[in-house]
C-alpha cells in the first residue's frame, strides 16, 4: 500500500461568473506526496491548474495561497492536470489510498470531474476510489470533540510548518508528517505526548479555599 497525501488549492467562482451552479470553486493547484508503509516519502507531485469558470484569481485567494493569475494562465487545464496526476498514481505500481485533511478535497475533485466531463472510462480513475480523512482520525486518536486545522495540529505537536501554508505541496507534506505521528506512536511518542498535554483540560479548584487565600483575613 502506498499512501497518497493530497491537497488542493481552489479559486472562488462567484455567482455572476458561475456556469454550473454546483461548482462554486475551481482547483488551481494539486499537490501530493507518496508515503510507503514505513511513512517514508517515495514520490511527489505538484501542478498548477488553469481555471476556466473564473480565470482571474480572486484577491483573497492570491493573498492566501500566493497563486496569481499569471501563475496559472498557461498551466494545464483541469482535465489535463488530472490525467497527469492519475498517470503519476498509476506509475507507482501499487495499491494506493488517498489521504486528505478533512473531506473537502475529495468532494471538490469528484464534483469537478463530473462538471468538466472528465472521461471516466479512463481505467486510472479507479485509483480515486479509496479515500481517508486524516483530520477525523487525528481527532479520534486524541479524543477531540471538534475538528482542528492542519496548522493547529502541527502547533500542538510542537512542530513548525514546513514551507508556505496553503501551498498544496507543502500542505500535503505536513499532513504526511501528522499521519506518521499518529500511525507510528512509538516512533513519535514525544510529539504525541506534547499534543495530549496541550489538549488536556485545565481544571481549577471548585472550593472557595482554592480560589482565595483567606489566611490574611482577621475573622
Foldseek 3Di string as FASTA:
>chain_A
DKEKQKFWAWAAQDPVLDPDVVQGIDTFKIWIFIADPLLDTDDIDIFGAQDDSDLAGDPVSCVQAVDGSVNHVPTHHPLVRVVVVLVVVVVVVDQYAYEYADCPVLVNVVVVCVVVVRPPVPVSCVSSPHYDHVQVVVCVLLVHPDTDDLCVLCVLLVHDQPDHPNHTHSSSVSVSVVVSCSVPVVVNVSSVVSNNVVPPDDDFDDDVVRVDPCPPPDD
